PDB file of N, CA and C in Angstrom:
ATOM      1  N   MET A   1     -18.810 -10.000 -27.171  1.00  0.00           N
ATOM      2  CA  MET A   1     -18.116 -10.181 -25.575  1.00  0.00           C
ATOM      3  C   MET A   1     -18.038 -11.523 -24.856  1.00  0.00           C
ATOM      4  N   SER A   2     -16.581 -11.967 -24.631  1.00  0.00           N
ATOM      5  CA  SER A   2     -16.729 -13.500 -24.223  1.00  0.00           C
ATOM      6  C   SER A   2     -17.274 -13.644 -22.395  1.00  0.00           C
ATOM      7  N   LYS A   3     -17.789 -14.118 -21.659  1.00  0.00           N
ATOM      8  CA  LYS A   3     -17.700 -14.571 -20.546  1.00  0.00           C
ATOM      9  C   LYS A   3     -16.135 -14.363 -20.114  1.00  0.00           C
ATOM     10  N   PRO A   4     -16.076 -13.719 -18.576  1.00  0.00           N
ATOM     11  CA  PRO A   4     -14.781 -14.386 -18.015  1.00  0.00           C
ATOM     12  C   PRO A   4     -14.997 -15.579 -18.109  1.00  0.00           C
ATOM     13  N   LEU A   5     -13.679 -15.799 -17.610  1.00  0.00           N
ATOM     14  CA  LEU A   5     -13.074 -17.322 -17.099  1.00  0.00           C
ATOM     15  C   LEU A   5     -13.412 -17.439 -15.649  1.00  0.00           C
ATOM     16  N   LEU A   6     -12.775 -16.704 -14.834  1.00  0.00           N
ATOM     17  CA  LEU A   6     -13.422 -16.681 -13.489  1.00  0.00           C
ATOM     18  C   LEU A   6     -14.314 -15.507 -12.990  1.00  0.00           C
ATOM     19  N   SER A   7     -14.705 -15.779 -12.218  1.00  0.00           N
ATOM     20  CA  SER A   7     -16.058 -15.123 -11.145  1.00  0.00           C
ATOM     21  C   SER A   7     -15.716 -14.370 -10.319  1.00  0.00           C
ATOM     22  N   LYS A   8     -16.076 -12.668 -10.354  1.00  0.00           N
ATOM     23  CA  LYS A   8     -15.735 -11.993  -9.860  1.00  0.00           C
ATOM     24  C   LYS A   8     -15.136 -12.288  -8.236  1.00  0.00           C
ATOM     25  N   GLN A   9     -15.578 -12.764  -7.525  1.00  0.00           N
ATOM     26  CA  GLN A   9     -14.317 -12.946  -6.664  1.00  0.00           C
ATOM     27  C   GLN A   9     -13.697 -13.584  -6.270  1.00  0.00           C
ATOM     28  N   LYS A  10     -13.555 -14.871  -7.480  1.00  0.00           N
ATOM     29  CA  LYS A  10     -12.606 -15.628  -7.672  1.00  0.00           C
ATOM     30  C   LYS A  10     -11.116 -14.512  -8.159  1.00  0.00           C
ATOM     31  N   GLN A  11     -11.705 -13.519  -8.950  1.00  0.00           N
ATOM     32  CA  GLN A  11     -10.565 -12.735  -9.320  1.00  0.00           C
ATOM     33  C   GLN A  11      -9.985 -11.954  -8.239  1.00  0.00           C
ATOM     34  N   LYS A  12     -10.685 -11.485  -6.950  1.00  0.00           N
ATOM     35  CA  LYS A  12     -10.588 -10.490  -6.369  1.00  0.00           C
ATOM     36  C   LYS A  12      -9.868 -11.670  -5.108  1.00  0.00           C
ATOM     37  N   GLU A  13     -10.050 -12.363  -4.777  1.00  0.00           N
ATOM     38  CA  GLU A  13      -8.695 -13.672  -4.037  1.00  0.00           C
ATOM     39  C   GLU A  13      -7.477 -13.773  -4.454  1.00  0.00           C
ATOM     40  N   ILE A  14      -7.267 -14.016  -6.285  1.00  0.00           N
ATOM     41  CA  ILE A  14      -5.785 -13.951  -6.509  1.00  0.00           C
ATOM     42  C   ILE A  14      -5.455 -12.373  -6.068  1.00  0.00           C
ATOM     43  N   ALA A  15      -6.249 -11.587  -6.833  1.00  0.00           N
ATOM     44  CA  ALA A  15      -5.750 -10.231  -6.377  1.00  0.00           C
ATOM     45  C   ALA A  15      -5.344 -10.198  -4.823  1.00  0.00           C
ATOM     46  N   LEU A  16      -6.310 -10.192  -4.266  1.00  0.00           N
ATOM     47  CA  LEU A  16      -5.208 -10.051  -2.802  1.00  0.00           C
ATOM     48  C   LEU A  16      -4.389 -10.386  -2.511  1.00  0.00           C
ATOM     49  N   GLN A  17      -4.082 -11.991  -3.199  1.00  0.00           N
ATOM     50  CA  GLN A  17      -3.070 -12.804  -2.774  1.00  0.00           C
ATOM     51  C   GLN A  17      -2.014 -11.702  -3.433  1.00  0.00           C
ATOM     52  N   ARG A  18      -1.841 -11.288  -4.621  1.00  0.00           N
ATOM     53  CA  ARG A  18      -0.770 -11.335  -5.481  1.00  0.00           C
ATOM     54  C   ARG A  18      -0.481  -9.229  -5.292  1.00  0.00           C
ATOM     55  N   ILE A  19      -1.220  -8.844  -4.511  1.00  0.00           N
ATOM     56  CA  ILE A  19      -1.377  -7.267  -3.639  1.00  0.00           C
ATOM     57  C   ILE A  19      -0.440  -7.858  -2.399  1.00  0.00           C
ATOM     58  N   LYS A  20      -1.010  -8.804  -1.379  1.00  0.00           N
ATOM     59  CA  LYS A  20       0.280  -9.121  -0.158  1.00  0.00           C
ATOM     60  C   LYS A  20       2.128  -9.478  -0.772  1.00  0.00           C
ATOM     61  N   ILE A  21       2.079 -10.262  -2.002  1.00  0.00           N
ATOM     62  CA  ILE A  21       3.026 -10.772  -2.634  1.00  0.00           C
ATOM     63  C   ILE A  21       4.049  -9.713  -3.076  1.00  0.00           C
ATOM     64  N   LEU A  22       3.238  -8.839  -3.368  1.00  0.00           N
ATOM     65  CA  LEU A  22       4.082  -7.268  -4.017  1.00  0.00           C
ATOM     66  C   LEU A  22       4.238  -6.777  -2.808  1.00  0.00           C
ATOM     67  N   PHE A  23       3.526  -6.580  -1.656  1.00  0.00           N
ATOM     68  CA  PHE A  23       3.811  -5.236  -0.585  1.00  0.00           C
ATOM     69  C   PHE A  23       5.026  -6.446  -0.152  1.00  0.00           C
ATOM     70  N   GLN A  24       5.503  -7.356   0.279  1.00  0.00           N
ATOM     71  CA  GLN A  24       6.434  -8.591   0.720  1.00  0.00           C
ATOM     72  C   GLN A  24       7.337  -8.263   0.219  1.00  0.00           C
ATOM     73  N   GLN A  25       7.177  -8.117  -1.772  1.00  0.00           N
ATOM     74  CA  GLN A  25       8.770  -8.093  -2.428  1.00  0.00           C
ATOM     75  C   GLN A  25       8.932  -6.848  -1.960  1.00  0.00           C
ATOM     76  N   ALA A  26       8.299  -6.067  -1.672  1.00  0.00           N
ATOM     77  CA  ALA A  26       8.809  -4.198  -1.724  1.00  0.00           C
ATOM     78  C   ALA A  26       9.447  -4.667  -0.385  1.00  0.00           C
ATOM     79  N   GLU A  27       8.711  -5.380   0.456  1.00  0.00           N
ATOM     80  CA  GLU A  27       9.703  -4.938   2.094  1.00  0.00           C
ATOM     81  C   GLU A  27      10.671  -5.451   1.789  1.00  0.00           C
ATOM     82  N   GLU A  28      11.021  -6.541   0.992  1.00  0.00           N
ATOM     83  CA  GLU A  28      12.145  -7.332   1.969  1.00  0.00           C
ATOM     84  C   GLU A  28      13.111  -6.467   0.543  1.00  0.00           C
ATOM     85  N   VAL A  29      13.009  -5.833  -1.124  1.00  0.00           N
ATOM     86  CA  VAL A  29      14.023  -5.148  -1.854  1.00  0.00           C
ATOM     87  C   VAL A  29      14.074  -3.352  -1.363  1.00  0.00           C
ATOM     88  N   PHE A  30      13.491  -2.891  -0.146  1.00  0.00           N
ATOM     89  CA  PHE A  30      13.403  -1.689   0.030  1.00  0.00           C
ATOM     90  C   PHE A  30      14.643  -1.116   0.303  1.00  0.00           C
ATOM     91  N   PRO A  31      15.819  -1.944   1.274  1.00  0.00           N
ATOM     92  CA  PRO A  31      16.655  -1.447   1.770  1.00  0.00           C
ATOM     93  C   PRO A  31      17.948  -1.318   0.801  1.00  0.00           C
ATOM     94  N   LYS A  32      17.223  -1.878  -0.187  1.00  0.00           N
ATOM     95  CA  LYS A  32      18.591  -2.274  -1.615  1.00  0.00           C
ATOM     96  C   LYS A  32      18.426  -1.136  -2.586  1.00  0.00           C
ATOM     97  N   ASN A  33      17.156  -1.207  -3.584  1.00  0.00           N
ATOM     98  CA  ASN A  33      16.610  -0.686  -4.660  1.00  0.00           C
ATOM     99  C   ASN A  33      15.012  -0.213  -3.643  1.00  0.00           C
ATOM    100  N   LYS A  34      15.164   1.125  -3.681  1.00  0.00           N
ATOM    101  CA  LYS A  34      13.632   2.270  -3.456  1.00  0.00           C
ATOM    102  C   LYS A  34      13.277   2.395  -4.509  1.00  0.00           C
ATOM    103  N   GLU A  35      13.591   2.363  -5.519  1.00  0.00           N
ATOM    104  CA  GLU A  35      13.029   2.712  -6.389  1.00  0.00           C
ATOM    105  C   GLU A  35      11.911   1.151  -7.387  1.00  0.00           C
ATOM    106  N   LEU A  36      12.533  -0.036  -7.598  1.00  0.00           N
ATOM    107  CA  LEU A  36      11.735  -1.158  -7.098  1.00  0.00           C
ATOM    108  C   LEU A  36      10.778  -1.547  -6.657  1.00  0.00           C
ATOM    109  N   ALA A  37      11.029  -0.922  -5.211  1.00  0.00           N
ATOM    110  CA  ALA A  37      10.088  -1.506  -4.261  1.00  0.00           C
ATOM    111  C   ALA A  37       8.878  -0.226  -4.645  1.00  0.00           C
ATOM    112  N   ASN A  38       9.379   0.501  -5.289  1.00  0.00           N
ATOM    113  CA  ASN A  38       8.082   1.650  -5.106  1.00  0.00           C
ATOM    114  C   ASN A  38       6.928   0.799  -6.747  1.00  0.00           C
ATOM    115  N   ARG A  39       8.162   0.425  -7.184  1.00  0.00           N
ATOM    116  CA  ARG A  39       7.418  -0.166  -8.687  1.00  0.00           C
ATOM    117  C   ARG A  39       6.556  -1.377  -8.579  1.00  0.00           C
ATOM    118  N   TYR A  40       6.928  -1.628  -7.229  1.00  0.00           N
ATOM    119  CA  TYR A  40       5.691  -3.399  -7.084  1.00  0.00           C
ATOM    120  C   TYR A  40       4.819  -2.590  -6.471  1.00  0.00           C
ATOM    121  N   LEU A  41       4.831  -1.493  -5.792  1.00  0.00           N
ATOM    122  CA  LEU A  41       3.417  -0.562  -4.675  1.00  0.00           C
ATOM    123  C   LEU A  41       2.266  -0.328  -6.011  1.00  0.00           C
ATOM    124  N   SER A  42       3.151   0.214  -7.029  1.00  0.00           N
ATOM    125  CA  SER A  42       2.074   0.816  -8.163  1.00  0.00           C
ATOM    126  C   SER A  42       1.936  -0.760  -8.969  1.00  0.00           C
ATOM    127  N   LEU A  43       2.316  -1.331  -9.099  1.00  0.00           N
ATOM    128  CA  LEU A  43       1.200  -2.698  -9.620  1.00  0.00           C
ATOM    129  C   LEU A  43       0.709  -3.493  -8.803  1.00  0.00           C
ATOM    130  N   ALA A  44       0.993  -3.241  -7.214  1.00  0.00           N
ATOM    131  CA  ALA A  44      -0.563  -3.480  -6.696  1.00  0.00           C
ATOM    132  C   ALA A  44      -1.576  -2.364  -6.713  1.00  0.00           C
ATOM    133  N   ARG A  45      -1.235  -1.537  -6.889  1.00  0.00           N
ATOM    134  CA  ARG A  45      -2.483  -0.459  -6.826  1.00  0.00           C
ATOM    135  C   ARG A  45      -3.315  -0.619  -8.135  1.00  0.00           C
ATOM    136  N   LYS A  46      -2.277  -0.918  -9.220  1.00  0.00           N
ATOM    137  CA  LYS A  46      -3.131  -1.306 -10.412  1.00  0.00           C
ATOM    138  C   LYS A  46      -4.243  -2.338 -10.583  1.00  0.00           C
ATOM    139  N   ILE A  47      -3.357  -3.487 -10.066  1.00  0.00           N
ATOM    140  CA  ILE A  47      -3.964  -4.806  -9.839  1.00  0.00           C
ATOM    141  C   ILE A  47      -5.645  -4.604  -8.996  1.00  0.00           C
ATOM    142  N   ALA A  48      -5.545  -3.634  -8.143  1.00  0.00           N
ATOM    143  CA  ALA A  48      -6.358  -3.662  -7.192  1.00  0.00           C
ATOM    144  C   ALA A  48      -7.545  -2.405  -7.981  1.00  0.00           C
ATOM    145  N   MET A  49      -7.099  -1.633  -8.958  1.00  0.00           N
ATOM    146  CA  MET A  49      -7.798  -0.891  -9.033  1.00  0.00           C
ATOM    147  C   MET A  49      -8.902  -1.479 -10.469  1.00  0.00           C
ATOM    148  N   LYS A  50      -7.643  -2.480 -11.235  1.00  0.00           N
ATOM    149  CA  LYS A  50      -8.517  -3.409 -12.086  1.00  0.00           C
ATOM    150  C   LYS A  50      -9.412  -4.051 -11.560  1.00  0.00           C
ATOM    151  N   VAL A  51      -9.495  -4.875 -10.616  1.00  0.00           N
ATOM    152  CA  VAL A  51     -10.316  -5.360 -10.164  1.00  0.00           C
ATOM    153  C   VAL A  51     -11.695  -5.264  -9.004  1.00  0.00           C
ATOM    154  N   HIS A  52     -11.291  -3.952  -8.997  1.00  0.00           N
ATOM    155  CA  HIS A  52     -12.144  -3.022  -7.976  1.00  0.00           C
ATOM    156  C   HIS A  52     -12.381  -3.563  -6.210  1.00  0.00           C
ATOM    157  N   ALA A  53     -10.918  -4.164  -5.834  1.00  0.00           N
ATOM    158  CA  ALA A  53     -10.421  -4.649  -4.888  1.00  0.00           C
ATOM    159  C   ALA A  53      -9.738  -3.600  -3.864  1.00  0.00           C
ATOM    160  N   GLN A  54     -10.367  -3.511  -2.467  1.00  0.00           N
ATOM    161  CA  GLN A  54      -9.620  -2.486  -1.881  1.00  0.00           C
ATOM    162  C   GLN A  54      -8.337  -3.179  -1.118  1.00  0.00           C
ATOM    163  N   ILE A  55      -7.007  -2.744  -0.859  1.00  0.00           N
ATOM    164  CA  ILE A  55      -5.923  -2.964  -0.348  1.00  0.00           C
ATOM    165  C   ILE A  55      -6.006  -2.838   1.036  1.00  0.00           C
ATOM    166  N   PRO A  56      -5.976  -4.396   1.842  1.00  0.00           N
ATOM    167  CA  PRO A  56      -5.884  -4.519   2.784  1.00  0.00           C
ATOM    168  C   PRO A  56      -5.456  -3.118   3.928  1.00  0.00           C
ATOM    169  N   ARG A  57      -6.201  -3.078   5.091  1.00  0.00           N
ATOM    170  CA  ARG A  57      -5.833  -1.846   5.880  1.00  0.00           C
ATOM    171  C   ARG A  57      -4.158  -1.563   6.364  1.00  0.00           C
ATOM    172  N   GLU A  58      -3.918  -2.815   6.769  1.00  0.00           N
ATOM    173  CA  GLU A  58      -2.571  -3.021   6.792  1.00  0.00           C
ATOM    174  C   GLU A  58      -1.285  -2.618   5.968  1.00  0.00           C
ATOM    175  N   LEU A  59      -1.751  -2.935   5.340  1.00  0.00           N
ATOM    176  CA  LEU A  59      -1.152  -3.017   3.836  1.00  0.00           C
ATOM    177  C   LEU A  59      -0.899  -1.069   3.300  1.00  0.00           C
ATOM    178  N   LYS A  60      -2.657  -0.949   3.406  1.00  0.00           N
ATOM    179  CA  LYS A  60      -2.597   0.746   2.717  1.00  0.00           C
ATOM    180  C   LYS A  60      -1.956   1.796   3.862  1.00  0.00           C
ATOM    181  N   ARG A  61      -1.358   1.300   5.135  1.00  0.00           N
ATOM    182  CA  ARG A  61      -0.594   2.249   5.722  1.00  0.00           C
ATOM    183  C   ARG A  61       0.768   2.367   5.685  1.00  0.00           C
ATOM    184  N   ARG A  62       1.069   1.069   4.931  1.00  0.00           N
ATOM    185  CA  ARG A  62       2.594   1.400   4.633  1.00  0.00           C
ATOM    186  C   ARG A  62       2.960   2.292   3.328  1.00  0.00           C
ATOM    187  N   MET A  63       1.627   2.432   2.583  1.00  0.00           N
ATOM    188  CA  MET A  63       2.289   3.019   1.197  1.00  0.00           C
ATOM    189  C   MET A  63       1.691   4.555   1.281  1.00  0.00           C
ATOM    190  N   CYS A  64       2.197   5.685   1.263  1.00  0.00           N
ATOM    191  CA  CYS A  64       2.224   7.008   0.887  1.00  0.00           C
ATOM    192  C   CYS A  64       0.412   7.034  -0.015  1.00  0.00           C
ATOM    193  N   LYS A  65      -0.289   7.599   0.421  1.00  0.00           N
ATOM    194  CA  LYS A  65      -2.052   8.153  -0.182  1.00  0.00           C
ATOM    195  C   LYS A  65      -1.791   9.274  -1.024  1.00  0.00           C
ATOM    196  N   HIS A  66      -0.562   9.577  -1.319  1.00  0.00           N
ATOM    197  CA  HIS A  66      -0.121  11.423  -2.277  1.00  0.00           C
ATOM    198  C   HIS A  66       0.489  10.963  -3.119  1.00  0.00           C
ATOM    199  N   CYS A  67       1.828  10.341  -2.501  1.00  0.00           N
ATOM    200  CA  CYS A  67       2.836   9.967  -3.823  1.00  0.00           C
ATOM    201  C   CYS A  67       2.417   8.537  -4.157  1.00  0.00           C
ATOM    202  N   TYR A  68       2.576   7.562  -3.122  1.00  0.00           N
ATOM    203  CA  TYR A  68       2.328   5.953  -3.478  1.00  0.00           C
ATOM    204  C   TYR A  68       3.274   5.482  -3.476  1.00  0.00           C
ATOM    205  N   LYS A  69       4.231   6.313  -2.299  1.00  0.00           N
ATOM    206  CA  LYS A  69       5.650   5.492  -2.485  1.00  0.00           C
ATOM    207  C   LYS A  69       5.614   4.528  -1.189  1.00  0.00           C
ATOM    208  N   TYR A  70       6.536   3.427  -0.815  1.00  0.00           N
ATOM    209  CA  TYR A  70       6.774   2.721   0.229  1.00  0.00           C
ATOM    210  C   TYR A  70       7.295   3.163   1.162  1.00  0.00           C
ATOM    211  N   LEU A  71       6.378   3.567   2.408  1.00  0.00           N
ATOM    212  CA  LEU A  71       7.157   3.799   3.401  1.00  0.00           C
ATOM    213  C   LEU A  71       7.237   2.852   4.564  1.00  0.00           C
ATOM    214  N   LYS A  72       8.841   3.300   4.841  1.00  0.00           N
ATOM    215  CA  LYS A  72       9.800   2.588   5.965  1.00  0.00           C
ATOM    216  C   LYS A  72       9.745   3.321   7.693  1.00  0.00           C
ATOM    217  N   PRO A  73       8.628   3.150   8.574  1.00  0.00           N
ATOM    218  CA  PRO A  73       9.094   4.532   9.272  1.00  0.00           C
ATOM    219  C   PRO A  73      10.746   4.440  10.159  1.00  0.00           C
ATOM    220  N   GLY A  74      11.223   5.234  10.612  1.00  0.00           N
ATOM    221  CA  GLY A  74      12.807   6.113  10.799  1.00  0.00           C
ATOM    222  C   GLY A  74      13.375   6.225   9.662  1.00  0.00           C
ATOM    223  N   VAL A  75      12.918   5.515   8.351  1.00  0.00           N
ATOM    224  CA  VAL A  75      13.879   5.701   6.636  1.00  0.00           C
ATOM    225  C   VAL A  75      13.036   6.944   6.259  1.00  0.00           C
ATOM    226  N   ASN A  76      11.832   6.774   5.543  1.00  0.00           N
ATOM    227  CA  ASN A  76      11.419   7.652   4.668  1.00  0.00           C
ATOM    228  C   ASN A  76      10.174   8.430   5.331  1.00  0.00           C
ATOM    229  N   ALA A  77       9.499   7.376   6.360  1.00  0.00           N
ATOM    230  CA  ALA A  77       8.770   8.276   7.496  1.00  0.00           C
ATOM    231  C   ALA A  77       8.595   8.272   8.571  1.00  0.00           C
ATOM    232  N   ARG A  78       7.604   9.056   9.549  1.00  0.00           N
ATOM    233  CA  ARG A  78       7.782   9.408  10.708  1.00  0.00           C
ATOM    234  C   ARG A  78       6.581   9.437  11.254  1.00  0.00           C
ATOM    235  N   ILE A  79       6.265   8.630  12.479  1.00  0.00           N
ATOM    236  CA  ILE A  79       4.862   8.151  13.232  1.00  0.00           C
ATOM    237  C   ILE A  79       5.055   8.932  14.479  1.00  0.00           C
ATOM    238  N   ARG A  80       4.290   9.464  14.650  1.00  0.00           N
ATOM    239  CA  ARG A  80       4.112  10.534  15.860  1.00  0.00           C
ATOM    240  C   ARG A  80       2.403  10.490  16.180  1.00  0.00           C
ATOM    241  N   THR A  81       1.799  10.140  17.350  1.00  0.00           N
ATOM    242  CA  THR A  81       0.652  10.327  18.259  1.00  0.00           C
ATOM    243  C   THR A  81       0.387  11.731  18.671  1.00  0.00           C
ATOM    244  N   ARG A  82      -0.975  12.410  18.151  1.00  0.00           N
ATOM    245  CA  ARG A  82      -1.361  13.251  18.325  1.00  0.00           C
ATOM    246  C   ARG A  82      -3.039  13.538  18.837  1.00  0.00           C
ATOM    247  N   ASP A  83      -3.259  14.362  19.902  1.00  0.00           N
ATOM    248  CA  ASP A  83      -4.873  14.764  19.728  1.00  0.00           C
ATOM    249  C   ASP A  83      -5.893  13.133  19.676  1.00  0.00           C
ATOM    250  N   GLY A  84      -5.817  11.994  19.762  1.00  0.00           N
ATOM    251  CA  GLY A  84      -6.225  11.196  19.370  1.00  0.00           C
ATOM    252  C   GLY A  84      -6.040  10.567  17.979  1.00  0.00           C
ATOM    253  N   LYS A  85      -4.883  10.905  17.217  1.00  0.00           N
ATOM    254  CA  LYS A  85      -4.353  10.691  16.144  1.00  0.00           C
ATOM    255  C   LYS A  85      -3.408   9.881  15.835  1.00  0.00           C
ATOM    256  N   VAL A  86      -2.836   8.835  15.002  1.00  0.00           N
ATOM    257  CA  VAL A  86      -1.762   8.806  14.492  1.00  0.00           C
ATOM    258  C   VAL A  86      -1.250   9.433  12.871  1.00  0.00           C
ATOM    259  N   ILE A  87      -0.535  10.354  12.785  1.00  0.00           N
ATOM    260  CA  ILE A  87      -0.260  10.923  11.939  1.00  0.00           C
ATOM    261  C   ILE A  87       1.080  10.324  11.653  1.00  0.00           C
ATOM    262  N   ILE A  88       1.148  10.290  10.795  1.00  0.00           N
ATOM    263  CA  ILE A  88       2.000   9.191   9.510  1.00  0.00           C
ATOM    264  C   ILE A  88       2.514  10.476   8.283  1.00  0.00           C
ATOM    265  N   SER A  89       4.050  11.016   8.165  1.00  0.00           N
ATOM    266  CA  SER A  89       4.689  11.980   7.616  1.00  0.00           C
ATOM    267  C   SER A  89       5.161  11.033   6.541  1.00  0.00           C
ATOM    268  N   CYS A  90       5.212  11.225   5.287  1.00  0.00           N
ATOM    269  CA  CYS A  90       5.969  10.710   4.329  1.00  0.00           C
ATOM    270  C   CYS A  90       6.846  11.979   4.271  1.00  0.00           C
ATOM    271  N   LEU A  91       8.085  11.590   4.397  1.00  0.00           N
ATOM    272  CA  LEU A  91       9.551  12.310   4.157  1.00  0.00           C
ATOM    273  C   LEU A  91       9.999  12.373   2.187  1.00  0.00           C
ATOM    274  N   GLU A  92       9.208  12.174   1.722  1.00  0.00           N
ATOM    275  CA  GLU A  92       9.051  11.675   0.123  1.00  0.00           C
ATOM    276  C   GLU A  92       8.607  13.023  -0.242  1.00  0.00           C
ATOM    277  N   CYS A  93       7.312  13.242  -0.028  1.00  0.00           N
ATOM    278  CA  CYS A  93       6.691  14.373  -0.733  1.00  0.00           C
ATOM    279  C   CYS A  93       5.905  15.843   0.573  1.00  0.00           C
ATOM    280  N   LYS A  94       6.435  15.132   1.775  1.00  0.00           N
ATOM    281  CA  LYS A  94       5.992  16.152   2.705  1.00  0.00           C
ATOM    282  C   LYS A  94       4.413  16.426   3.129  1.00  0.00           C
ATOM    283  N   LYS A  95       4.133  14.853   2.704  1.00  0.00           N
ATOM    284  CA  LYS A  95       2.670  15.079   3.457  1.00  0.00           C
ATOM    285  C   LYS A  95       2.023  13.758   4.179  1.00  0.00           C
ATOM    286  N   PHE A  96       1.170  14.404   5.632  1.00  0.00           N
ATOM    287  CA  PHE A  96       0.184  13.973   6.224  1.00  0.00           C
ATOM    288  C   PHE A  96      -0.426  12.895   6.138  1.00  0.00           C
ATOM    289  N   ILE A  97      -0.839  11.641   6.688  1.00  0.00           N
ATOM    290  CA  ILE A  97      -1.579  10.812   6.980  1.00  0.00           C
ATOM    291  C   ILE A  97      -2.016  10.313   8.431  1.00  0.00           C
ATOM    292  N   ARG A  98      -3.597  11.311   8.511  1.00  0.00           N
ATOM    293  CA  ARG A  98      -3.949  11.001   9.704  1.00  0.00           C
ATOM    294  C   ARG A  98      -5.118   9.877   9.885  1.00  0.00           C
ATOM    295  N   ILE A  99      -4.512   8.996  11.308  1.00  0.00           N
ATOM    296  CA  ILE A  99      -5.936   8.111  11.114  1.00  0.00           C
ATOM    297  C   ILE A  99      -6.109   7.798  12.368  1.00  0.00           C
ATOM    298  N   PRO A 100      -7.369   8.407  12.694  1.00  0.00           N
ATOM    299  CA  PRO A 100      -8.069   8.343  14.311  1.00  0.00           C
ATOM    300  C   PRO A 100      -7.541   7.120  15.677  1.00  0.00           C
ATOM    301  N   ILE A 101      -7.486   6.998  16.570  1.00  0.00           N
ATOM    302  CA  ILE A 101      -7.701   5.714  17.398  1.00  0.00           C
ATOM    303  C   ILE A 101      -8.502   5.553  17.992  1.00  0.00           C
ATOM    304  N   LYS A 102      -9.486   4.490  17.876  1.00  0.00           N
ATOM    305  CA  LYS A 102     -10.770   4.022  18.727  1.00  0.00           C
ATOM    306  C   LYS A 102     -10.660   3.827  19.753  1.00  0.00           C
ATOM    307  N   LYS A 103     -11.334   4.153  20.391  1.00  0.00           N
ATOM    308  CA  LYS A 103     -11.312   4.304  22.223  1.00  0.00           C
ATOM    309  C   LYS A 103     -12.167   3.077  22.711  1.00  0.00           C
TER     310      LYS A 103
END
Protein backbone atom coordinates (compact mmCIF):
# COMPACT_ATOMS: atom_id res chain seq x y z
CA MET A 1 0.00 0.00 0.00
CA SER A 2 1.38 3.39 -0.93
CA LYS A 3 1.82 6.31 1.43
CA PRO A 4 -0.77 9.12 1.05
CA LEU A 5 0.50 12.16 -0.82
CA LEU A 6 -0.95 14.67 1.64
CA SER A 7 -1.02 14.61 5.42
CA LYS A 8 -4.38 14.03 7.10
CA GLN A 9 -4.47 17.62 8.38
CA LYS A 10 -3.94 18.97 4.86
CA GLN A 11 -6.63 16.64 3.51
CA LYS A 12 -9.10 17.96 6.10
CA GLU A 13 -8.28 21.59 5.23
CA ILE A 14 -8.88 20.95 1.52
CA ALA A 15 -12.10 19.06 2.34
CA LEU A 16 -13.42 21.95 4.45
CA GLN A 17 -12.69 24.40 1.64
CA ARG A 18 -14.60 22.21 -0.82
CA ILE A 19 -17.49 21.76 1.62
CA LYS A 20 -17.80 25.55 2.01
CA ILE A 21 -17.76 25.98 -1.78
CA LEU A 22 -20.47 23.34 -2.22
CA PHE A 23 -22.69 25.03 0.40
CA GLN A 24 -22.23 28.40 -1.37
CA GLN A 25 -23.16 26.86 -4.70
CA ALA A 26 -26.19 25.18 -3.12
CA GLU A 27 -27.35 28.54 -1.76
CA GLU A 28 -26.95 30.20 -5.17
CA VAL A 29 -28.70 27.48 -7.17
CA PHE A 30 -31.51 26.69 -4.66
CA PRO A 31 -34.10 29.17 -6.05
CA LYS A 32 -33.68 27.74 -9.56
CA ASN A 33 -33.04 24.04 -8.95
CA LYS A 34 -33.68 22.42 -5.56
CA GLU A 35 -32.55 18.98 -6.73
CA LEU A 36 -29.11 20.29 -7.68
CA ALA A 37 -28.76 22.12 -4.36
CA ASN A 38 -29.54 18.89 -2.51
CA ARG A 39 -27.01 17.04 -4.67
CA TYR A 40 -24.33 19.58 -3.67
CA LEU A 41 -25.10 18.88 -0.01
CA SER A 42 -24.85 15.14 -0.49
CA LEU A 43 -21.45 15.63 -2.14
CA ALA A 44 -20.30 17.84 0.74
CA ARG A 45 -21.45 15.21 3.22
CA LYS A 46 -19.60 12.45 1.37
CA ILE A 47 -16.40 14.51 1.35
CA ALA A 48 -16.71 15.12 5.10
CA MET A 49 -17.27 11.43 5.81
CA LYS A 50 -14.36 10.34 3.62
CA VAL A 51 -11.74 12.42 5.50
CA HIS A 52 -13.50 12.26 8.89
CA ALA A 53 -13.99 16.04 8.96
CA GLN A 54 -16.86 17.79 10.68
CA ILE A 55 -19.04 20.16 8.72
CA PRO A 56 -18.81 23.61 10.39
CA ARG A 57 -21.68 24.47 12.74
CA GLU A 58 -22.99 27.42 10.71
CA LEU A 59 -23.21 25.20 7.61
CA LYS A 60 -24.55 22.15 9.43
CA ARG A 61 -27.61 24.14 10.51
CA ARG A 62 -28.50 24.80 6.88
CA MET A 63 -28.96 21.08 6.29
CA CYS A 64 -31.69 18.78 7.60
CA LYS A 65 -30.19 16.05 9.79
CA HIS A 66 -32.89 13.59 8.74
CA CYS A 67 -33.33 13.97 4.96
CA TYR A 68 -30.05 15.85 4.24
CA LYS A 69 -31.74 18.55 2.16
CA TYR A 70 -30.81 22.23 2.00
CA LEU A 71 -32.90 24.31 4.40
CA LYS A 72 -33.96 27.79 3.36
CA PRO A 73 -36.01 29.61 6.02
CA GLY A 74 -39.42 30.59 4.72
CA VAL A 75 -39.21 28.25 1.72
CA ASN A 76 -38.77 24.74 3.07
CA ALA A 77 -37.89 25.40 6.72
CA ARG A 78 -39.52 27.09 9.69
CA ILE A 79 -37.46 28.56 12.54
CA ARG A 80 -39.03 29.19 15.94
CA THR A 81 -37.85 29.71 19.51
CA ARG A 82 -39.47 27.93 22.43
CA ASP A 83 -38.42 27.09 25.99
CA GLY A 84 -34.80 28.15 25.52
CA LYS A 85 -34.38 26.28 22.23
CA VAL A 86 -34.26 27.18 18.56
CA ILE A 87 -36.49 24.75 16.69
CA ILE A 88 -35.84 24.30 12.98
CA SER A 89 -38.66 22.43 11.22
CA CYS A 90 -37.94 20.80 7.88
CA LEU A 91 -41.05 21.09 5.73
CA GLU A 92 -39.72 18.41 3.34
CA CYS A 93 -39.61 15.49 5.81
CA LYS A 94 -41.65 17.04 8.70
CA LYS A 95 -38.88 16.50 11.28
CA PHE A 96 -37.39 18.90 13.84
CA ILE A 97 -33.91 19.99 14.85
CA ARG A 98 -33.71 21.43 18.37
CA ILE A 99 -30.73 23.61 19.28
CA PRO A 100 -30.36 24.89 22.85
CA ILE A 101 -29.81 28.61 23.38
CA LYS A 102 -26.80 29.32 25.59
CA LYS A 103 -27.26 31.83 28.37
